[in-house]
mmCIF file of all heavy atoms, coordinates in Angstrom:
data_MODEL
# 
_entry.id   MODEL 
# 
loop_
_atom_site.group_PDB 
_atom_site.id 
_atom_site.type_symbol 
_atom_site.label_atom_id 
_atom_site.label_alt_id 
_atom_site.label_comp_id 
_atom_site.label_asym_id 
_atom_site.label_entity_id 
_atom_site.label_seq_id 
_atom_site.pdbx_PDB_ins_code 
_atom_site.Cartn_x 
_atom_site.Cartn_y 
_atom_site.Cartn_z 
_atom_site.occupancy 
_atom_site.B_iso_or_equiv 
_atom_site.pdbx_formal_charge 
_atom_site.auth_seq_id 
_atom_site.auth_comp_id 
_atom_site.auth_asym_id 
_atom_site.auth_atom_id 
_atom_site.pdbx_PDB_model_num 
ATOM 1   N N   . VAL A 1 1  ? 11.675 9.481  -23.806 1.00 0.00 ? 1  VAL A N   1 
ATOM 2   C CA  . VAL A 1 1  ? 11.577 8.063  -23.539 1.00 0.00 ? 1  VAL A CA  1 
ATOM 3   C C   . VAL A 1 1  ? 12.219 7.611  -22.215 1.00 0.00 ? 1  VAL A C   1 
ATOM 4   O O   . VAL A 1 1  ? 11.627 7.062  -21.420 1.00 0.00 ? 1  VAL A O   1 
ATOM 5   C CB  . VAL A 1 1  ? 12.214 7.226  -24.724 1.00 0.00 ? 1  VAL A CB  1 
ATOM 6   C CG1 . VAL A 1 1  ? 12.031 5.727  -24.516 1.00 0.00 ? 1  VAL A CG1 1 
ATOM 7   C CG2 . VAL A 1 1  ? 11.412 7.607  -26.052 1.00 0.00 ? 1  VAL A CG2 1 
ATOM 8   N N   . VAL A 1 2  ? 13.480 7.908  -22.147 1.00 0.00 ? 2  VAL A N   1 
ATOM 9   C CA  . VAL A 1 2  ? 14.302 7.724  -20.912 1.00 0.00 ? 2  VAL A CA  1 
ATOM 10  C C   . VAL A 1 2  ? 14.699 9.164  -20.435 1.00 0.00 ? 2  VAL A C   1 
ATOM 11  O O   . VAL A 1 2  ? 15.623 9.664  -20.940 1.00 0.00 ? 2  VAL A O   1 
ATOM 12  C CB  . VAL A 1 2  ? 15.583 6.837  -21.097 1.00 0.00 ? 2  VAL A CB  1 
ATOM 13  C CG1 . VAL A 1 2  ? 16.187 6.644  -19.732 1.00 0.00 ? 2  VAL A CG1 1 
ATOM 14  C CG2 . VAL A 1 2  ? 15.134 5.545  -21.717 1.00 0.00 ? 2  VAL A CG2 1 
ATOM 15  N N   . PRO A 1 3  ? 13.972 9.724  -19.471 1.00 0.00 ? 3  PRO A N   1 
ATOM 16  C CA  . PRO A 1 3  ? 14.346 11.144 -19.101 1.00 0.00 ? 3  PRO A CA  1 
ATOM 17  C C   . PRO A 1 3  ? 15.775 11.293 -18.534 1.00 0.00 ? 3  PRO A C   1 
ATOM 18  O O   . PRO A 1 3  ? 16.343 10.271 -18.139 1.00 0.00 ? 3  PRO A O   1 
ATOM 19  C CB  . PRO A 1 3  ? 13.356 11.363 -17.937 1.00 0.00 ? 3  PRO A CB  1 
ATOM 20  C CG  . PRO A 1 3  ? 12.135 10.410 -18.230 1.00 0.00 ? 3  PRO A CG  1 
ATOM 21  C CD  . PRO A 1 3  ? 12.827 9.250  -18.781 1.00 0.00 ? 3  PRO A CD  1 
ATOM 22  N N   . VAL A 1 4  ? 16.255 12.465 -18.776 1.00 0.00 ? 4  VAL A N   1 
ATOM 23  C CA  . VAL A 1 4  ? 17.666 12.695 -18.511 1.00 0.00 ? 4  VAL A CA  1 
ATOM 24  C C   . VAL A 1 4  ? 18.020 12.494 -16.979 1.00 0.00 ? 4  VAL A C   1 
ATOM 25  O O   . VAL A 1 4  ? 19.198 12.282 -16.713 1.00 0.00 ? 4  VAL A O   1 
ATOM 26  C CB  . VAL A 1 4  ? 18.032 14.202 -18.979 1.00 0.00 ? 4  VAL A CB  1 
ATOM 27  C CG1 . VAL A 1 4  ? 17.354 15.201 -18.045 1.00 0.00 ? 4  VAL A CG1 1 
ATOM 28  C CG2 . VAL A 1 4  ? 19.548 14.285 -18.984 1.00 0.00 ? 4  VAL A CG2 1 
ATOM 29  N N   . ALA A 1 5  ? 17.037 12.474 -16.203 1.00 0.00 ? 5  ALA A N   1 
ATOM 30  C CA  . ALA A 1 5  ? 17.231 12.179 -14.751 1.00 0.00 ? 5  ALA A CA  1 
ATOM 31  C C   . ALA A 1 5  ? 17.852 10.820 -14.595 1.00 0.00 ? 5  ALA A C   1 
ATOM 32  O O   . ALA A 1 5  ? 18.609 10.571 -13.613 1.00 0.00 ? 5  ALA A O   1 
ATOM 33  C CB  . ALA A 1 5  ? 15.811 12.137 -13.992 1.00 0.00 ? 5  ALA A CB  1 
ATOM 34  N N   . ALA A 1 6  ? 17.638 9.963  -15.526 1.00 0.00 ? 6  ALA A N   1 
ATOM 35  C CA  . ALA A 1 6  ? 18.289 8.577  -15.407 1.00 0.00 ? 6  ALA A CA  1 
ATOM 36  C C   . ALA A 1 6  ? 19.786 8.738  -15.515 1.00 0.00 ? 6  ALA A C   1 
ATOM 37  O O   . ALA A 1 6  ? 20.541 7.918  -14.867 1.00 0.00 ? 6  ALA A O   1 
ATOM 38  C CB  . ALA A 1 6  ? 17.753 7.637  -16.546 1.00 0.00 ? 6  ALA A CB  1 
ATOM 39  N N   . LEU A 1 7  ? 20.363 9.636  -16.276 1.00 0.00 ? 7  LEU A N   1 
ATOM 40  C CA  . LEU A 1 7  ? 21.762 9.812  -16.354 1.00 0.00 ? 7  LEU A CA  1 
ATOM 41  C C   . LEU A 1 7  ? 22.249 10.290 -15.023 1.00 0.00 ? 7  LEU A C   1 
ATOM 42  O O   . LEU A 1 7  ? 23.282 9.759  -14.535 1.00 0.00 ? 7  LEU A O   1 
ATOM 43  C CB  . LEU A 1 7  ? 22.072 10.804 -17.438 1.00 0.00 ? 7  LEU A CB  1 
ATOM 44  C CG  . LEU A 1 7  ? 23.593 11.289 -17.582 1.00 0.00 ? 7  LEU A CG  1 
ATOM 45  C CD1 . LEU A 1 7  ? 23.987 11.612 -18.993 1.00 0.00 ? 7  LEU A CD1 1 
ATOM 46  C CD2 . LEU A 1 7  ? 23.908 12.475 -16.716 1.00 0.00 ? 7  LEU A CD2 1 
ATOM 47  N N   . HIS A 1 8  ? 21.641 11.287 -14.399 1.00 0.00 ? 8  HIS A N   1 
ATOM 48  C CA  . HIS A 1 8  ? 22.101 11.845 -13.187 1.00 0.00 ? 8  HIS A CA  1 
ATOM 49  C C   . HIS A 1 8  ? 22.029 10.777 -12.043 1.00 0.00 ? 8  HIS A C   1 
ATOM 50  O O   . HIS A 1 8  ? 22.976 10.707 -11.250 1.00 0.00 ? 8  HIS A O   1 
ATOM 51  C CB  . HIS A 1 8  ? 21.279 13.036 -12.774 1.00 0.00 ? 8  HIS A CB  1 
ATOM 52  C CG  . HIS A 1 8  ? 21.383 14.203 -13.819 1.00 0.00 ? 8  HIS A CG  1 
ATOM 53  N ND1 . HIS A 1 8  ? 22.585 14.701 -14.278 1.00 0.00 ? 8  HIS A ND1 1 
ATOM 54  C CD2 . HIS A 1 8  ? 20.391 14.672 -14.597 1.00 0.00 ? 8  HIS A CD2 1 
ATOM 55  C CE1 . HIS A 1 8  ? 22.382 15.644 -15.159 1.00 0.00 ? 8  HIS A CE1 1 
ATOM 56  N NE2 . HIS A 1 8  ? 21.029 15.669 -15.429 1.00 0.00 ? 8  HIS A NE2 1 
ATOM 57  N N   . ALA A 1 9  ? 20.995 9.979  -12.104 1.00 0.00 ? 9  ALA A N   1 
ATOM 58  C CA  . ALA A 1 9  ? 20.920 8.910  -11.102 1.00 0.00 ? 9  ALA A CA  1 
ATOM 59  C C   . ALA A 1 9  ? 22.032 7.874  -11.291 1.00 0.00 ? 9  ALA A C   1 
ATOM 60  O O   . ALA A 1 9  ? 22.622 7.396  -10.341 1.00 0.00 ? 9  ALA A O   1 
ATOM 61  C CB  . ALA A 1 9  ? 19.570 8.225  -11.130 1.00 0.00 ? 9  ALA A CB  1 
ATOM 62  N N   . ALA A 1 10 ? 22.254 7.489  -12.506 1.00 0.00 ? 10 ALA A N   1 
ATOM 63  C CA  . ALA A 1 10 ? 23.352 6.440  -12.842 1.00 0.00 ? 10 ALA A CA  1 
ATOM 64  C C   . ALA A 1 10 ? 24.679 7.029  -12.361 1.00 0.00 ? 10 ALA A C   1 
ATOM 65  O O   . ALA A 1 10 ? 25.552 6.334  -11.865 1.00 0.00 ? 10 ALA A O   1 
ATOM 66  C CB  . ALA A 1 10 ? 23.253 6.162  -14.229 1.00 0.00 ? 10 ALA A CB  1 
ATOM 67  N N   . LYS A 1 11 ? 24.936 8.233  -12.788 1.00 0.00 ? 11 LYS A N   1 
ATOM 68  C CA  . LYS A 1 11 ? 26.173 8.851  -12.376 1.00 0.00 ? 11 LYS A CA  1 
ATOM 69  C C   . LYS A 1 11 ? 26.482 8.882  -10.871 1.00 0.00 ? 11 LYS A C   1 
ATOM 70  O O   . LYS A 1 11 ? 27.519 8.488  -10.353 1.00 0.00 ? 11 LYS A O   1 
ATOM 71  C CB  . LYS A 1 11 ? 26.303 10.292 -12.955 1.00 0.00 ? 11 LYS A CB  1 
ATOM 72  C CG  . LYS A 1 11 ? 27.648 10.973 -12.735 1.00 0.00 ? 11 LYS A CG  1 
ATOM 73  C CD  . LYS A 1 11 ? 27.654 12.348 -13.507 1.00 0.00 ? 11 LYS A CD  1 
ATOM 74  C CE  . LYS A 1 11 ? 29.053 13.078 -13.433 1.00 0.00 ? 11 LYS A CE  1 
ATOM 75  N NZ  . LYS A 1 11 ? 29.418 13.380 -12.023 1.00 0.00 ? 11 LYS A NZ  1 
ATOM 76  N N   . ARG A 1 12 ? 25.391 9.255  -10.138 1.00 0.00 ? 12 ARG A N   1 
ATOM 77  C CA  . ARG A 1 12 ? 25.483 9.319  -8.678  1.00 0.00 ? 12 ARG A CA  1 
ATOM 78  C C   . ARG A 1 12 ? 25.808 7.830  -8.100  1.00 0.00 ? 12 ARG A C   1 
ATOM 79  O O   . ARG A 1 12 ? 26.627 7.739  -7.309  1.00 0.00 ? 12 ARG A O   1 
ATOM 80  C CB  . ARG A 1 12 ? 24.234 9.804  -8.111  1.00 0.00 ? 12 ARG A CB  1 
ATOM 81  C CG  . ARG A 1 12 ? 24.197 9.879  -6.557  1.00 0.00 ? 12 ARG A CG  1 
ATOM 82  C CD  . ARG A 1 12 ? 22.818 10.125 -6.044  1.00 0.00 ? 12 ARG A CD  1 
ATOM 83  N NE  . ARG A 1 12 ? 21.935 8.999  -6.471  1.00 0.00 ? 12 ARG A NE  1 
ATOM 84  C CZ  . ARG A 1 12 ? 20.718 9.098  -6.984  1.00 0.00 ? 12 ARG A CZ  1 
ATOM 85  N NH1 . ARG A 1 12 ? 20.293 10.303 -7.298  1.00 0.00 ? 12 ARG A NH1 1 
ATOM 86  N NH2 . ARG A 1 12 ? 19.991 8.055  -7.203  1.00 0.00 ? 12 ARG A NH2 1 
ATOM 87  N N   . ASP A 1 13 ? 24.989 6.914  -8.559  1.00 0.00 ? 13 ASP A N   1 
ATOM 88  C CA  . ASP A 1 13 ? 25.194 5.459  -8.121  1.00 0.00 ? 13 ASP A CA  1 
ATOM 89  C C   . ASP A 1 13 ? 26.491 4.905  -8.460  1.00 0.00 ? 13 ASP A C   1 
ATOM 90  O O   . ASP A 1 13 ? 27.123 4.175  -7.641  1.00 0.00 ? 13 ASP A O   1 
ATOM 91  C CB  . ASP A 1 13 ? 24.041 4.708  -8.649  1.00 0.00 ? 13 ASP A CB  1 
ATOM 92  C CG  . ASP A 1 13 ? 22.685 5.014  -8.111  1.00 0.00 ? 13 ASP A CG  1 
ATOM 93  O OD1 . ASP A 1 13 ? 22.672 5.608  -6.954  1.00 0.00 ? 13 ASP A OD1 1 
ATOM 94  O OD2 . ASP A 1 13 ? 21.642 4.701  -8.672  1.00 0.00 ? 13 ASP A OD2 1 
ATOM 95  N N   . LEU A 1 14 ? 26.978 5.110  -9.737  1.00 0.00 ? 14 LEU A N   1 
ATOM 96  C CA  . LEU A 1 14 ? 28.298 4.614  -10.120 1.00 0.00 ? 14 LEU A CA  1 
ATOM 97  C C   . LEU A 1 14 ? 29.473 5.260  -9.309  1.00 0.00 ? 14 LEU A C   1 
ATOM 98  O O   . LEU A 1 14 ? 30.381 4.615  -8.967  1.00 0.00 ? 14 LEU A O   1 
ATOM 99  C CB  . LEU A 1 14 ? 28.397 4.829  -11.609 1.00 0.00 ? 14 LEU A CB  1 
ATOM 100 C CG  . LEU A 1 14 ? 27.526 3.915  -12.524 1.00 0.00 ? 14 LEU A CG  1 
ATOM 101 C CD1 . LEU A 1 14 ? 27.622 4.377  -13.905 1.00 0.00 ? 14 LEU A CD1 1 
ATOM 102 C CD2 . LEU A 1 14 ? 27.761 2.496  -12.397 1.00 0.00 ? 14 LEU A CD2 1 
ATOM 103 N N   . GLU A 1 15 ? 29.363 6.533  -9.179  1.00 0.00 ? 15 GLU A N   1 
ATOM 104 C CA  . GLU A 1 15 ? 30.412 7.220  -8.470  1.00 0.00 ? 15 GLU A CA  1 
ATOM 105 C C   . GLU A 1 15 ? 30.437 6.793  -7.057  1.00 0.00 ? 15 GLU A C   1 
ATOM 106 O O   . GLU A 1 15 ? 31.502 6.758  -6.352  1.00 0.00 ? 15 GLU A O   1 
ATOM 107 C CB  . GLU A 1 15 ? 30.221 8.741  -8.551  1.00 0.00 ? 15 GLU A CB  1 
ATOM 108 C CG  . GLU A 1 15 ? 30.579 9.280  -9.958  1.00 0.00 ? 15 GLU A CG  1 
ATOM 109 C CD  . GLU A 1 15 ? 30.361 10.709 -10.129 1.00 0.00 ? 15 GLU A CD  1 
ATOM 110 O OE1 . GLU A 1 15 ? 29.668 11.387 -9.296  1.00 0.00 ? 15 GLU A OE1 1 
ATOM 111 O OE2 . GLU A 1 15 ? 30.990 11.393 -11.048 1.00 0.00 ? 15 GLU A OE2 1 
ATOM 112 N N   . HIS A 1 16 ? 29.319 6.546  -6.432  1.00 0.00 ? 16 HIS A N   1 
ATOM 113 C CA  . HIS A 1 16 ? 29.318 5.946  -5.068  1.00 0.00 ? 16 HIS A CA  1 
ATOM 114 C C   . HIS A 1 16 ? 30.071 4.691  -4.970  1.00 0.00 ? 16 HIS A C   1 
ATOM 115 O O   . HIS A 1 16 ? 30.610 4.315  -3.882  1.00 0.00 ? 16 HIS A O   1 
ATOM 116 C CB  . HIS A 1 16 ? 27.848 5.716  -4.630  1.00 0.00 ? 16 HIS A CB  1 
ATOM 117 C CG  . HIS A 1 16 ? 27.730 5.316  -3.241  1.00 0.00 ? 16 HIS A CG  1 
ATOM 118 N ND1 . HIS A 1 16 ? 27.970 6.045  -2.202  1.00 0.00 ? 16 HIS A ND1 1 
ATOM 119 C CD2 . HIS A 1 16 ? 27.373 4.021  -2.732  1.00 0.00 ? 16 HIS A CD2 1 
ATOM 120 C CE1 . HIS A 1 16 ? 27.759 5.394  -0.958  1.00 0.00 ? 16 HIS A CE1 1 
ATOM 121 N NE2 . HIS A 1 16 ? 27.401 4.146  -1.377  1.00 0.00 ? 16 HIS A NE2 1 
ATOM 122 N N   . LEU A 1 17 ? 30.192 3.960  -6.116  1.00 0.00 ? 17 LEU A N   1 
ATOM 123 C CA  . LEU A 1 17 ? 30.965 2.653  -6.145  1.00 0.00 ? 17 LEU A CA  1 
ATOM 124 C C   . LEU A 1 17 ? 32.405 2.888  -6.434  1.00 0.00 ? 17 LEU A C   1 
ATOM 125 O O   . LEU A 1 17 ? 33.131 1.828  -6.580  1.00 0.00 ? 17 LEU A O   1 
ATOM 126 C CB  . LEU A 1 17 ? 30.245 1.676  -7.128  1.00 0.00 ? 17 LEU A CB  1 
ATOM 127 C CG  . LEU A 1 17 ? 28.815 1.289  -6.904  1.00 0.00 ? 17 LEU A CG  1 
ATOM 128 C CD1 . LEU A 1 17 ? 28.237 0.635  -8.098  1.00 0.00 ? 17 LEU A CD1 1 
ATOM 129 C CD2 . LEU A 1 17 ? 28.780 0.366  -5.703  1.00 0.00 ? 17 LEU A CD2 1 
ATOM 130 N N   . GLY A 1 18 ? 32.853 4.082  -6.618  1.00 0.00 ? 18 GLY A N   1 
ATOM 131 C CA  . GLY A 1 18 ? 34.201 4.387  -7.009  1.00 0.00 ? 18 GLY A CA  1 
ATOM 132 C C   . GLY A 1 18 ? 34.499 4.363  -8.359  1.00 0.00 ? 18 GLY A C   1 
ATOM 133 O O   . GLY A 1 18 ? 35.709 4.351  -8.771  1.00 0.00 ? 18 GLY A O   1 
ATOM 134 N N   . ILE A 1 19 ? 33.509 4.400  -9.250  1.00 0.00 ? 19 ILE A N   1 
ATOM 135 C CA  . ILE A 1 19 ? 33.646 4.343  -10.651 1.00 0.00 ? 19 ILE A CA  1 
ATOM 136 C C   . ILE A 1 19 ? 33.839 5.803  -11.219 1.00 0.00 ? 19 ILE A C   1 
ATOM 137 O O   . ILE A 1 19 ? 32.997 6.633  -10.851 1.00 0.00 ? 19 ILE A O   1 
ATOM 138 C CB  . ILE A 1 19 ? 32.500 3.587  -11.391 1.00 0.00 ? 19 ILE A CB  1 
ATOM 139 C CG1 . ILE A 1 19 ? 32.458 2.043  -10.993 1.00 0.00 ? 19 ILE A CG1 1 
ATOM 140 C CG2 . ILE A 1 19 ? 32.621 3.802  -12.957 1.00 0.00 ? 19 ILE A CG2 1 
ATOM 141 C CD1 . ILE A 1 19 ? 31.266 1.380  -11.461 1.00 0.00 ? 19 ILE A CD1 1 
ATOM 142 N N   . VAL A 1 20 ? 34.793 6.005  -12.105 1.00 0.00 ? 20 VAL A N   1 
ATOM 143 C CA  . VAL A 1 20 ? 34.946 7.369  -12.701 1.00 0.00 ? 20 VAL A CA  1 
ATOM 144 C C   . VAL A 1 20 ? 33.999 7.469  -13.809 1.00 0.00 ? 20 VAL A C   1 
ATOM 145 O O   . VAL A 1 20 ? 33.982 6.624  -14.767 1.00 0.00 ? 20 VAL A O   1 
ATOM 146 C CB  . VAL A 1 20 ? 36.413 7.565  -13.185 1.00 0.00 ? 20 VAL A CB  1 
ATOM 147 C CG1 . VAL A 1 20 ? 36.522 8.899  -13.829 1.00 0.00 ? 20 VAL A CG1 1 
ATOM 148 C CG2 . VAL A 1 20 ? 37.444 7.462  -11.959 1.00 0.00 ? 20 VAL A CG2 1 
ATOM 149 N N   . VAL A 1 21 ? 33.008 8.384  -13.749 1.00 0.00 ? 21 VAL A N   1 
ATOM 150 C CA  . VAL A 1 21 ? 32.018 8.687  -14.738 1.00 0.00 ? 21 VAL A CA  1 
ATOM 151 C C   . VAL A 1 21 ? 32.201 10.017 -15.374 1.00 0.00 ? 21 VAL A C   1 
ATOM 152 O O   . VAL A 1 21 ? 32.352 10.987 -14.768 1.00 0.00 ? 21 VAL A O   1 
ATOM 153 C CB  . VAL A 1 21 ? 30.606 8.556  -14.120 1.00 0.00 ? 21 VAL A CB  1 
ATOM 154 C CG1 . VAL A 1 21 ? 29.542 8.765  -15.099 1.00 0.00 ? 21 VAL A CG1 1 
ATOM 155 C CG2 . VAL A 1 21 ? 30.442 7.265  -13.343 1.00 0.00 ? 21 VAL A CG2 1 
ATOM 156 N N   . THR A 1 22 ? 32.147 9.954  -16.754 1.00 0.00 ? 22 THR A N   1 
ATOM 157 C CA  . THR A 1 22 ? 32.105 11.155 -17.550 1.00 0.00 ? 22 THR A CA  1 
ATOM 158 C C   . THR A 1 22 ? 30.743 11.245 -18.034 1.00 0.00 ? 22 THR A C   1 
ATOM 159 O O   . THR A 1 22 ? 30.178 10.278 -18.586 1.00 0.00 ? 22 THR A O   1 
ATOM 160 C CB  . THR A 1 22 ? 33.101 11.178 -18.672 1.00 0.00 ? 22 THR A CB  1 
ATOM 161 O OG1 . THR A 1 22 ? 34.509 10.937 -18.144 1.00 0.00 ? 22 THR A OG1 1 
ATOM 162 C CG2 . THR A 1 22 ? 33.037 12.440 -19.461 1.00 0.00 ? 22 THR A CG2 1 
ATOM 163 N N   . ALA A 1 23 ? 30.056 12.508 -17.962 1.00 0.00 ? 23 ALA A N   1 
ATOM 164 C CA  . ALA A 1 23 ? 28.688 12.638 -18.451 1.00 0.00 ? 23 ALA A CA  1 
ATOM 165 C C   . ALA A 1 23 ? 28.589 13.889 -19.344 1.00 0.00 ? 23 ALA A C   1 
ATOM 166 O O   . ALA A 1 23 ? 29.279 14.779 -19.158 1.00 0.00 ? 23 ALA A O   1 
ATOM 167 C CB  . ALA A 1 23 ? 27.763 12.825 -17.173 1.00 0.00 ? 23 ALA A CB  1 
ATOM 168 N N   . HIS A 1 24 ? 27.728 13.575 -20.315 1.00 0.00 ? 24 HIS A N   1 
ATOM 169 C CA  . HIS A 1 24 ? 27.483 14.651 -21.227 1.00 0.00 ? 24 HIS A CA  1 
ATOM 170 C C   . HIS A 1 24 ? 25.929 14.678 -21.538 1.00 0.00 ? 24 HIS A C   1 
ATOM 171 O O   . HIS A 1 24 ? 25.324 13.713 -21.893 1.00 0.00 ? 24 HIS A O   1 
ATOM 172 C CB  . HIS A 1 24 ? 28.212 14.511 -22.598 1.00 0.00 ? 24 HIS A CB  1 
ATOM 173 C CG  . HIS A 1 24 ? 27.774 15.401 -23.604 1.00 0.00 ? 24 HIS A CG  1 
ATOM 174 N ND1 . HIS A 1 24 ? 28.177 16.803 -23.671 1.00 0.00 ? 24 HIS A ND1 1 
ATOM 175 C CD2 . HIS A 1 24 ? 26.933 15.342 -24.712 1.00 0.00 ? 24 HIS A CD2 1 
ATOM 176 C CE1 . HIS A 1 24 ? 27.592 17.406 -24.647 1.00 0.00 ? 24 HIS A CE1 1 
ATOM 177 N NE2 . HIS A 1 24 ? 26.841 16.630 -25.350 1.00 0.00 ? 24 HIS A NE2 1 
ATOM 178 N N   . VAL A 1 25 ? 25.354 15.902 -21.367 1.00 0.00 ? 25 VAL A N   1 
ATOM 179 C CA  . VAL A 1 25 ? 23.960 16.074 -21.638 1.00 0.00 ? 25 VAL A CA  1 
ATOM 180 C C   . VAL A 1 25 ? 23.822 17.003 -22.862 1.00 0.00 ? 25 VAL A C   1 
ATOM 181 O O   . VAL A 1 25 ? 24.430 18.077 -23.018 1.00 0.00 ? 25 VAL A O   1 
ATOM 182 C CB  . VAL A 1 25 ? 23.138 16.741 -20.470 1.00 0.00 ? 25 VAL A CB  1 
ATOM 183 C CG1 . VAL A 1 25 ? 21.744 17.069 -20.875 1.00 0.00 ? 25 VAL A CG1 1 
ATOM 184 C CG2 . VAL A 1 25 ? 23.216 15.906 -19.236 1.00 0.00 ? 25 VAL A CG2 1 
ATOM 185 N N   . SER A 1 26 ? 23.163 16.509 -23.951 1.00 0.00 ? 26 SER A N   1 
ATOM 186 C CA  . SER A 1 26 ? 23.005 17.300 -25.173 1.00 0.00 ? 26 SER A CA  1 
ATOM 187 C C   . SER A 1 26 ? 21.778 18.184 -25.069 1.00 0.00 ? 26 SER A C   1 
ATOM 188 O O   . SER A 1 26 ? 20.673 17.605 -24.941 1.00 0.00 ? 26 SER A O   1 
ATOM 189 C CB  . SER A 1 26 ? 22.808 16.252 -26.348 1.00 0.00 ? 26 SER A CB  1 
ATOM 190 O OG  . SER A 1 26 ? 23.936 15.409 -26.540 1.00 0.00 ? 26 SER A OG  1 
ATOM 191 N N   . PRO A 1 27 ? 21.971 19.482 -25.054 1.00 0.00 ? 27 PRO A N   1 
ATOM 192 C CA  . PRO A 1 27 ? 20.921 20.406 -24.924 1.00 0.00 ? 27 PRO A CA  1 
ATOM 193 C C   . PRO A 1 27 ? 19.839 20.238 -26.004 1.00 0.00 ? 27 PRO A C   1 
ATOM 194 O O   . PRO A 1 27 ? 20.140 20.285 -27.090 1.00 0.00 ? 27 PRO A O   1 
ATOM 195 C CB  . PRO A 1 27 ? 21.549 21.809 -25.024 1.00 0.00 ? 27 PRO A CB  1 
ATOM 196 C CG  . PRO A 1 27 ? 23.017 21.594 -24.681 1.00 0.00 ? 27 PRO A CG  1 
ATOM 197 C CD  . PRO A 1 27 ? 23.316 20.285 -25.175 1.00 0.00 ? 27 PRO A CD  1 
ATOM 198 N N   . GLY A 1 28 ? 18.616 20.019 -25.536 1.00 0.00 ? 28 GLY A N   1 
ATOM 199 C CA  . GLY A 1 28 ? 17.526 19.881 -26.464 1.00 0.00 ? 28 GLY A CA  1 
ATOM 200 C C   . GLY A 1 28 ? 17.500 18.500 -27.093 1.00 0.00 ? 28 GLY A C   1 
ATOM 201 O O   . GLY A 1 28 ? 16.511 18.225 -27.938 1.00 0.00 ? 28 GLY A O   1 
# 
């Protein structure tokens, strides 16, 4: 529904703003 690429894009954009982001991708 929302491809995992959305997580990676959000992490990149948020970190660019100086926000500390923790990310977890659940395999499968």
